[in-house]
Amino acid sequence: MKSNILKCGLAVLALLVSACATQGGPEFIRGTMPRNEKFTIVAHNQRVPDWWLDQGQLKLNFLVKGEVSKEHMAAVAETERVCRIYAGVVRPSNLVAVLSSGILYGAAGWAGVGLGARAFLSQAGGIKTSAYARYGGDASTFAGTANGLISLGGQTYTFENCGRELL
């Protein structure tokens, strides 16, 4: 039993440590338009969900007419730098985003399931609606925390929108 708990703990720790993951290096995808105009898309391979990414390492994907030069890469690097600052300013901290979702969902689940249990089960004697309310609150807190983690991807979206405006 203790071995299983240890394995689960190590799995959770591995997930938390992998939150420092970053995007892969640039991949250059070249193409030609109908009038023989050359273009290059610079894309970064993303191997993990947005909320696992180290926000300080976010990279912009972009399109350039012709070949990509050192000046293009330098301009994009500076755009990425200021957009990381921008995304950090306009988005709440990750902890606030996750905890607030968990708390709001938990409170709503506790109230909703508790009221539902009281309304539908009051005829049956001996049923404790508080147990149902606790269950609803716990299950909803879990779901809300998961939703909060998913919402961290919004920081990536904010970062990309900033880059699109500047480039």
Protein backbone atom coordinates (compact mmCIF):
# COMPACT_ATOMS: atom_id res chain seq x y z
CA MET A 1 0.00 0.00 0.00
CA LYS A 2 2.78 2.44 0.95
CA SER A 3 4.56 1.56 -2.28
CA ASN A 4 1.54 2.63 -4.33
CA ILE A 5 1.26 5.91 -2.42
CA LEU A 6 4.97 6.55 -3.01
CA LYS A 7 4.58 5.83 -6.74
CA CYS A 8 1.62 8.20 -6.97
CA GLY A 9 3.57 10.87 -5.09
CA LEU A 10 6.51 10.50 -7.45
CA ALA A 11 4.21 10.74 -10.47
CA VAL A 12 2.71 13.99 -9.14
CA LEU A 13 6.20 15.33 -8.42
CA ALA A 14 7.28 14.48 -11.98
CA LEU A 15 4.30 16.42 -13.32
CA LEU A 16 5.16 19.45 -11.20
CA VAL A 17 8.83 19.37 -12.19
CA SER A 18 7.92 19.09 -15.86
CA ALA A 19 6.08 22.42 -15.50
CA CYS A 20 9.45 23.95 -16.36
CA ALA A 21 9.20 22.50 -19.87
CA THR A 22 9.93 24.78 -22.77
CA GLN A 23 9.12 24.76 -26.45
CA GLY A 24 11.49 23.15 -28.92
CA GLY A 25 13.82 25.03 -31.24
CA PRO A 26 12.62 26.76 -34.39
CA GLU A 27 11.57 24.74 -37.42
CA PHE A 28 11.67 26.52 -40.79
CA ILE A 29 8.81 25.63 -43.14
CA ARG A 30 9.36 27.06 -46.60
CA GLY A 31 6.68 27.59 -49.21
CA THR A 32 5.91 29.30 -52.49
CA MET A 33 2.88 31.43 -53.31
CA PRO A 34 1.11 31.22 -56.71
CA ARG A 35 3.20 34.10 -58.16
CA ASN A 36 6.47 32.40 -57.17
CA GLU A 37 6.84 34.53 -54.03
CA LYS A 38 8.84 32.63 -51.40
CA PHE A 39 7.92 32.63 -47.72
CA THR A 40 9.08 30.93 -44.54
CA ILE A 41 7.07 29.98 -41.49
CA VAL A 42 9.08 29.72 -38.27
CA ALA A 43 7.33 27.32 -35.90
CA HIS A 44 8.33 25.99 -32.48
CA ASN A 45 7.49 22.39 -31.68
CA GLN A 46 5.31 22.21 -28.59
CA ARG A 47 5.44 18.81 -26.94
CA VAL A 48 3.50 19.61 -23.77
CA PRO A 49 0.21 21.38 -22.91
CA ASP A 50 0.31 25.17 -22.50
CA TRP A 51 0.04 25.01 -18.73
CA TRP A 52 3.22 22.89 -18.52
CA LEU A 53 5.28 25.44 -20.40
CA ASP A 54 7.71 27.67 -18.56
CA GLN A 55 6.11 31.06 -19.24
CA GLY A 56 9.53 32.71 -19.37
CA GLN A 57 10.48 30.53 -22.34
CA LEU A 58 7.45 31.08 -24.59
CA LYS A 59 8.27 31.50 -28.28
CA LEU A 60 6.34 33.15 -31.11
CA ASN A 61 5.58 31.42 -34.38
CA PHE A 62 5.80 33.82 -37.32
CA LEU A 63 5.82 34.15 -41.10
CA VAL A 64 8.43 35.99 -43.18
CA LYS A 65 8.47 36.86 -46.88
CA GLY A 66 11.51 35.18 -48.40
CA GLU A 67 14.25 33.77 -46.16
CA VAL A 68 14.58 34.40 -42.43
CA SER A 69 17.49 36.72 -41.59
CA LYS A 70 19.37 37.42 -38.35
CA GLU A 71 17.51 40.75 -38.18
CA HIS A 72 14.15 38.94 -38.30
CA MET A 73 15.25 36.62 -35.48
CA ALA A 74 16.53 39.57 -33.40
CA ALA A 75 13.26 41.49 -33.88
CA VAL A 76 11.22 38.45 -32.86
CA ALA A 77 13.46 37.82 -29.82
CA GLU A 78 12.86 41.39 -28.61
CA THR A 79 9.12 41.05 -29.28
CA GLU A 80 9.08 37.82 -27.24
CA ARG A 81 10.91 39.52 -24.38
CA VAL A 82 8.45 42.41 -24.07
CA CYS A 83 5.43 40.15 -24.60
CA ARG A 84 6.54 37.88 -21.71
CA ILE A 85 6.55 40.97 -19.49
CA TYR A 86 3.16 42.05 -20.87
CA ALA A 87 1.58 38.61 -20.33
CA GLY A 88 2.91 38.52 -16.76
CA VAL A 89 1.42 41.95 -16.02
CA VAL A 90 -2.08 41.46 -17.46
CA ARG A 91 -2.67 37.89 -16.21
CA PRO A 92 -3.09 36.97 -12.53
CA SER A 93 -0.55 34.71 -10.88
CA ASN A 94 -0.90 31.03 -11.72
CA LEU A 95 -1.67 30.19 -8.09
CA VAL A 96 -4.53 32.72 -7.99
CA ALA A 97 -5.96 31.40 -11.26
CA VAL A 98 -5.97 27.79 -10.06
CA LEU A 99 -7.11 28.39 -6.46
CA SER A 100 -9.88 30.82 -7.36
CA SER A 101 -11.37 28.34 -9.83
CA GLY A 102 -11.16 25.51 -7.30
CA ILE A 103 -12.78 27.58 -4.54
CA LEU A 104 -15.58 28.94 -6.74
CA TYR A 105 -16.42 25.53 -8.20
CA GLY A 106 -16.24 23.94 -4.73
CA ALA A 107 -18.62 26.46 -3.17
CA ALA A 108 -21.06 26.13 -6.07
CA GLY A 109 -20.91 22.31 -5.88
CA TRP A 110 -21.42 22.30 -2.13
CA ALA A 111 -24.42 24.63 -2.36
CA GLY A 112 -25.96 23.02 -5.44
CA VAL A 113 -25.66 19.40 -4.35
CA GLY A 114 -26.61 20.28 -0.77
CA LEU A 115 -29.77 22.07 -1.85
CA GLY A 116 -30.61 19.33 -4.32
CA ALA A 117 -30.17 16.65 -1.67
CA ARG A 118 -32.34 18.61 0.75
CA ALA A 119 -35.08 19.09 -1.84
CA PHE A 120 -35.17 15.56 -3.24
CA LEU A 121 -34.22 13.43 -0.27
CA SER A 122 -36.00 15.12 2.61
CA GLN A 123 -38.84 12.58 2.49
CA ALA A 124 -36.48 9.69 3.24
CA GLY A 125 -35.71 9.61 6.94
CA GLY A 126 -32.17 9.73 8.29
CA ILE A 127 -30.38 11.00 5.20
CA LYS A 128 -27.77 13.62 6.01
CA THR A 129 -27.75 16.29 3.36
CA SER A 130 -24.46 17.62 4.72
CA ALA A 131 -22.70 14.46 3.50
CA TYR A 132 -24.08 15.02 0.00
CA ALA A 133 -23.08 18.69 0.12
CA ARG A 134 -19.51 17.75 1.17
CA TYR A 135 -19.30 15.22 -1.63
CA GLY A 136 -20.55 17.78 -4.17
CA GLY A 137 -18.12 20.37 -2.85
CA ASP A 138 -15.14 18.00 -2.98
CA ALA A 139 -15.93 16.77 -6.49
CA SER A 140 -16.52 20.31 -7.76
CA THR A 141 -13.32 21.59 -6.13
CA PHE A 142 -11.37 18.90 -7.97
CA ALA A 143 -13.05 19.86 -11.27
CA GLY A 144 -12.53 23.58 -10.63
CA THR A 145 -8.84 23.09 -9.89
CA ALA A 146 -8.46 21.13 -13.13
CA ASN A 147 -10.25 23.94 -14.98
CA GLY A 148 -7.94 26.47 -13.33
CA LEU A 149 -4.92 24.54 -14.63
CA ILE A 150 -6.39 24.51 -18.12
CA SER A 151 -7.05 28.26 -17.92
CA LEU A 152 -3.30 28.83 -17.52
CA GLY A 153 -3.12 28.31 -21.29
CA GLY A 154 -4.81 31.71 -21.55
CA GLN A 155 -1.48 33.23 -20.61
CA THR A 156 0.01 31.70 -23.77
CA TYR A 157 -2.91 33.11 -25.78
CA THR A 158 -2.30 36.57 -24.29
CA PHE A 159 1.41 36.28 -25.15
CA GLU A 160 0.67 35.31 -28.75
CA ASN A 161 -1.81 38.16 -29.21
CA CYS A 162 0.79 40.63 -27.98
CA GLY A 163 3.30 39.26 -30.49
CA ARG A 164 0.83 39.49 -33.33
CA GLU A 165 0.18 43.17 -32.52
CA LEU A 166 3.87 44.08 -32.31
CA LEU A 167 5.06 42.13 -35.35
